[in-house]
Amino acid sequence: MPSPQPTRTARRVGADWTHQDGERTTLTITVCRTCSARWFPPRDTCSTCASTDVGDVTSDTRGTVYASSVVRIAPRGFQAPYVLTYVDISGVRLLAHSPGRDQALAPGTAVRLTVAPIADSVEGAVMSYAVTPLGDQHEPTGEER
């Protein structure tokens, strides 16, 4: 299980792409206006057709697990075991931590975006976007432009 949440935040991974409004967490996704490809993290040039005619949209708050794995040998700053999960959300597949878990999430599991500590450093917690399984609670959805 992860260590207790540190009280100080040292840094935020993906802070430029992560947005919080109360309990609602979303990400910035790039959409190519030429070929409709989507990317996360955002970029200036489409990796499919090399067009620079791209724009950003805000992701849904929920996604679906594609695959998940338990990391049992951790690099410095991370405490094993921890779970990494590939999530399909708003037309992209991204890799996120699943905090507070020591078992992989099953493919097809509905998850919601959140921000959580993913590692510890001497300066404090390293925060990042993360996913947690949905319970029976209702979560707002809908892509915003």
C-alpha atoms as a PDB file:
ATOM      1  CA  MET A   1       0.000   0.000   0.000  1.00  0.00           C
ATOM      2  CA  PRO A   2       1.186   3.570  -0.608  1.00  0.00           C
ATOM      3  CA  SER A   3       2.754   5.502   2.244  1.00  0.00           C
ATOM      4  CA  PRO A   4       0.645   8.069   4.122  1.00  0.00           C
ATOM      5  CA  GLN A   5       0.039  11.250   2.163  1.00  0.00           C
ATOM      6  CA  PRO A   6       2.840  13.766   2.835  1.00  0.00           C
ATOM      7  CA  THR A   7       1.742  17.191   3.993  1.00  0.00           C
ATOM      8  CA  ARG A   8       3.824  19.242   1.531  1.00  0.00           C
ATOM      9  CA  THR A   9       3.604  19.148  -2.258  1.00  0.00           C
ATOM     10  CA  ALA A  10       7.025  19.223  -3.918  1.00  0.00           C
ATOM     11  CA  ARG A  11       5.740  19.309  -7.489  1.00  0.00           C
ATOM     12  CA  ARG A  12       2.885  18.329  -9.776  1.00  0.00           C
ATOM     13  CA  VAL A  13       3.491  16.091 -12.768  1.00  0.00           C
ATOM     14  CA  GLY A  14       1.312  17.230 -15.687  1.00  0.00           C
ATOM     15  CA  ALA A  15       0.131  20.360 -13.880  1.00  0.00           C
ATOM     16  CA  ASP A  16      -0.209  22.266 -17.172  1.00  0.00           C
ATOM     17  CA  TRP A  17      -2.640  19.627 -18.505  1.00  0.00           C
ATOM     18  CA  THR A  18      -4.599  18.849 -15.346  1.00  0.00           C
ATOM     19  CA  HIS A  19      -7.586  20.930 -14.261  1.00  0.00           C
ATOM     20  CA  GLN A  20      -9.522  20.724 -11.018  1.00  0.00           C
ATOM     21  CA  ASP A  21     -12.830  22.323 -10.144  1.00  0.00           C
ATOM     22  CA  GLY A  22     -13.786  21.070  -6.706  1.00  0.00           C
ATOM     23  CA  GLU A  23     -14.058  17.285  -6.984  1.00  0.00           C
ATOM     24  CA  ARG A  24     -14.069  17.443 -10.813  1.00  0.00           C
ATOM     25  CA  THR A  25     -10.758  16.652 -12.568  1.00  0.00           C
ATOM     26  CA  THR A  26     -10.200  16.922 -16.329  1.00  0.00           C
ATOM     27  CA  LEU A  27      -7.241  16.897 -18.711  1.00  0.00           C
ATOM     28  CA  THR A  28      -6.330  18.916 -21.797  1.00  0.00           C
ATOM     29  CA  ILE A  29      -6.344  16.778 -24.955  1.00  0.00           C
ATOM     30  CA  THR A  30      -5.092  17.879 -28.376  1.00  0.00           C
ATOM     31  CA  VAL A  31      -7.328  17.266 -31.418  1.00  0.00           C
ATOM     32  CA  CYS A  32      -6.013  17.552 -34.975  1.00  0.00           C
ATOM     33  CA  ARG A  33      -8.345  19.605 -37.178  1.00  0.00           C
ATOM     34  CA  THR A  34      -6.910  17.944 -40.290  1.00  0.00           C
ATOM     35  CA  CYS A  35      -7.227  14.222 -39.485  1.00  0.00           C
ATOM     36  CA  SER A  36      -9.192  14.228 -36.177  1.00  0.00           C
ATOM     37  CA  ALA A  37      -6.463  12.329 -34.285  1.00  0.00           C
ATOM     38  CA  ARG A  38      -6.340  12.941 -30.534  1.00  0.00           C
ATOM     39  CA  TRP A  39      -3.315  13.095 -28.231  1.00  0.00           C
ATOM     40  CA  PHE A  40      -2.399  13.258 -24.587  1.00  0.00           C
ATOM     41  CA  PRO A  41      -0.320  14.929 -23.371  1.00  0.00           C
ATOM     42  CA  PRO A  42      -1.152  17.924 -25.583  1.00  0.00           C
ATOM     43  CA  ARG A  43       1.166  18.813 -28.445  1.00  0.00           C
ATOM     44  CA  ASP A  44       1.688  21.453 -31.118  1.00  0.00           C
ATOM     45  CA  THR A  45       1.979  19.069 -34.066  1.00  0.00           C
ATOM     46  CA  CYS A  46      -0.178  16.062 -34.927  1.00  0.00           C
ATOM     47  CA  SER A  47       1.799  12.837 -34.621  1.00  0.00           C
ATOM     48  CA  THR A  48      -0.450  11.156 -37.196  1.00  0.00           C
ATOM     49  CA  CYS A  49      -0.381  13.600 -40.129  1.00  0.00           C
ATOM     50  CA  ALA A  50       2.196  16.222 -38.996  1.00  0.00           C
ATOM     51  CA  SER A  51      -0.354  19.047 -39.258  1.00  0.00           C
ATOM     52  CA  THR A  52       0.077  22.047 -36.993  1.00  0.00           C
ATOM     53  CA  ASP A  53      -3.660  22.795 -37.252  1.00  0.00           C
ATOM     54  CA  VAL A  54      -4.476  21.429 -33.802  1.00  0.00           C
ATOM     55  CA  GLY A  55      -6.644  22.590 -30.914  1.00  0.00           C
ATOM     56  CA  ASP A  56      -7.315  21.588 -27.353  1.00  0.00           C
ATOM     57  CA  VAL A  57     -10.449  20.124 -25.753  1.00  0.00           C
ATOM     58  CA  THR A  58     -11.207  19.255 -22.167  1.00  0.00           C
ATOM     59  CA  SER A  59     -11.540  15.558 -21.374  1.00  0.00           C
ATOM     60  CA  ASP A  60     -14.411  13.805 -19.713  1.00  0.00           C
ATOM     61  CA  THR A  61     -14.090  13.178 -15.987  1.00  0.00           C
ATOM     62  CA  ARG A  62     -14.513   9.422 -16.455  1.00  0.00           C
ATOM     63  CA  GLY A  63     -12.888   6.711 -18.508  1.00  0.00           C
ATOM     64  CA  THR A  64     -12.569   2.957 -18.871  1.00  0.00           C
ATOM     65  CA  VAL A  65      -9.646   0.729 -17.943  1.00  0.00           C
ATOM     66  CA  TYR A  66      -7.892  -0.809 -20.947  1.00  0.00           C
ATOM     67  CA  ALA A  67      -5.194  -2.629 -18.935  1.00  0.00           C
ATOM     68  CA  SER A  68      -3.620  -2.393 -15.505  1.00  0.00           C
ATOM     69  CA  SER A  69      -0.534  -3.764 -13.763  1.00  0.00           C
ATOM     70  CA  VAL A  70       0.958  -3.898 -10.295  1.00  0.00           C
ATOM     71  CA  VAL A  71       4.499  -2.556 -10.040  1.00  0.00           C
ATOM     72  CA  ARG A  72       6.296  -4.605  -7.394  1.00  0.00           C
ATOM     73  CA  ILE A  73       9.825  -3.183  -7.725  1.00  0.00           C
ATOM     74  CA  ALA A  74       9.763   0.588  -7.523  1.00  0.00           C
ATOM     75  CA  PRO A  75      12.249   3.282  -8.510  1.00  0.00           C
ATOM     76  CA  ARG A  76      13.470   5.698  -5.840  1.00  0.00           C
ATOM     77  CA  GLY A  77      10.667   7.829  -4.427  1.00  0.00           C
ATOM     78  CA  PHE A  78       7.942   5.312  -5.187  1.00  0.00           C
ATOM     79  CA  GLN A  79       6.731   2.749  -2.702  1.00  0.00           C
ATOM     80  CA  ALA A  80       5.841  -0.659  -4.132  1.00  0.00           C
ATOM     81  CA  PRO A  81       3.433  -2.113  -4.739  1.00  0.00           C
ATOM     82  CA  TYR A  82       1.586   0.486  -6.770  1.00  0.00           C
ATOM     83  CA  VAL A  83      -0.785   0.215  -9.707  1.00  0.00           C
ATOM     84  CA  LEU A  84      -0.371   1.744 -13.161  1.00  0.00           C
ATOM     85  CA  THR A  85      -3.430   1.756 -15.397  1.00  0.00           C
ATOM     86  CA  TYR A  86      -3.992   2.433 -19.088  1.00  0.00           C
ATOM     87  CA  VAL A  87      -7.276   4.303 -19.402  1.00  0.00           C
ATOM     88  CA  ASP A  88      -9.372   5.156 -22.452  1.00  0.00           C
ATOM     89  CA  ILE A  89     -10.901   8.595 -21.999  1.00  0.00           C
ATOM     90  CA  SER A  90     -12.253  11.068 -24.552  1.00  0.00           C
ATOM     91  CA  GLY A  91     -10.642   9.278 -27.492  1.00  0.00           C
ATOM     92  CA  VAL A  92      -7.133   8.882 -26.039  1.00  0.00           C
ATOM     93  CA  ARG A  93      -5.376   6.154 -24.077  1.00  0.00           C
ATOM     94  CA  LEU A  94      -3.281   7.429 -21.203  1.00  0.00           C
ATOM     95  CA  LEU A  95      -1.205   5.933 -18.423  1.00  0.00           C
ATOM     96  CA  ALA A  96      -2.130   6.918 -14.863  1.00  0.00           C
ATOM     97  CA  HIS A  97      -1.477   5.814 -11.323  1.00  0.00           C
ATOM     98  CA  SER A  98      -4.295   4.169  -9.373  1.00  0.00           C
ATOM     99  CA  PRO A  99      -3.494   5.312  -5.815  1.00  0.00           C
ATOM    100  CA  GLY A 100      -4.383   3.331  -2.731  1.00  0.00           C
ATOM    101  CA  ARG A 101      -4.499   0.038  -4.587  1.00  0.00           C
ATOM    102  CA  ASP A 102      -2.327  -3.029  -4.521  1.00  0.00           C
ATOM    103  CA  GLN A 103      -4.273  -5.004  -7.151  1.00  0.00           C
ATOM    104  CA  ALA A 104      -4.641  -4.290 -10.861  1.00  0.00           C
ATOM    105  CA  LEU A 105      -7.954  -2.960 -12.142  1.00  0.00           C
ATOM    106  CA  ALA A 106      -9.888  -5.253 -14.481  1.00  0.00           C
ATOM    107  CA  PRO A 107     -10.273  -4.193 -18.120  1.00  0.00           C
ATOM    108  CA  GLY A 108     -13.585  -2.408 -18.592  1.00  0.00           C
ATOM    109  CA  THR A 109     -13.645  -0.957 -15.061  1.00  0.00           C
ATOM    110  CA  ALA A 110     -15.149   2.540 -14.998  1.00  0.00           C
ATOM    111  CA  VAL A 111     -12.785   5.067 -13.396  1.00  0.00           C
ATOM    112  CA  ARG A 112     -12.782   8.770 -12.615  1.00  0.00           C
ATOM    113  CA  LEU A 113      -9.925  11.219 -12.914  1.00  0.00           C
ATOM    114  CA  THR A 114      -8.482  12.682  -9.757  1.00  0.00           C
ATOM    115  CA  VAL A 115      -5.263  14.245  -8.495  1.00  0.00           C
ATOM    116  CA  ALA A 116      -3.284  12.253  -5.957  1.00  0.00           C
ATOM    117  CA  PRO A 117       0.225  11.780  -4.573  1.00  0.00           C
ATOM    118  CA  ILE A 118       2.149   9.276  -6.701  1.00  0.00           C
ATOM    119  CA  ALA A 119       5.568   9.445  -5.015  1.00  0.00           C
ATOM    120  CA  ASP A 120       7.476  11.009  -2.161  1.00  0.00           C
ATOM    121  CA  SER A 121      10.543  13.217  -2.278  1.00  0.00           C
ATOM    122  CA  VAL A 122      12.538  14.981   0.413  1.00  0.00           C
ATOM    123  CA  GLU A 123      10.695  18.190  -0.594  1.00  0.00           C
ATOM    124  CA  GLY A 124       7.257  16.569  -0.189  1.00  0.00           C
ATOM    125  CA  ALA A 125       4.678  14.736  -2.262  1.00  0.00           C
ATOM    126  CA  VAL A 126       4.877  14.382  -6.027  1.00  0.00           C
ATOM    127  CA  MET A 127       1.294  14.891  -7.244  1.00  0.00           C
ATOM    128  CA  SER A 128      -0.200  13.865 -10.593  1.00  0.00           C
ATOM    129  CA  TYR A 129      -3.446  13.050 -12.343  1.00  0.00           C
ATOM    130  CA  ALA A 130      -4.605   9.593 -11.335  1.00  0.00           C
ATOM    131  CA  VAL A 131      -7.659   7.343 -11.641  1.00  0.00           C
ATOM    132  CA  THR A 132      -9.877   5.676  -9.081  1.00  0.00           C
ATOM    133  CA  PRO A 133     -12.637   3.112  -9.709  1.00  0.00           C
ATOM    134  CA  LEU A 134     -16.169   4.507  -9.748  1.00  0.00           C
ATOM    135  CA  GLY A 135     -18.543   3.353  -7.075  1.00  0.00           C
ATOM    136  CA  ASP A 136     -22.261   3.788  -7.397  1.00  0.00           C
ATOM    137  CA  GLN A 137     -21.866   7.566  -7.239  1.00  0.00           C
ATOM    138  CA  HIS A 138     -23.002   9.767 -10.113  1.00  0.00           C
ATOM    139  CA  GLU A 139     -20.193  11.660 -11.839  1.00  0.00           C
ATOM    140  CA  PRO A 140     -20.736  14.487 -14.339  1.00  0.00           C
ATOM    141  CA  THR A 141     -19.522  13.751 -17.855  1.00  0.00           C
ATOM    142  CA  GLY A 142     -19.417  15.474 -21.194  1.00  0.00           C
ATOM    143  CA  GLU A 143     -16.639  16.817 -23.283  1.00  0.00           C
ATOM    144  CA  GLU A 144     -16.304  20.574 -23.280  1.00  0.00           C
ATOM    145  CA  ARG A 145     -14.919  22.608 -26.144  1.00  0.00           C
END
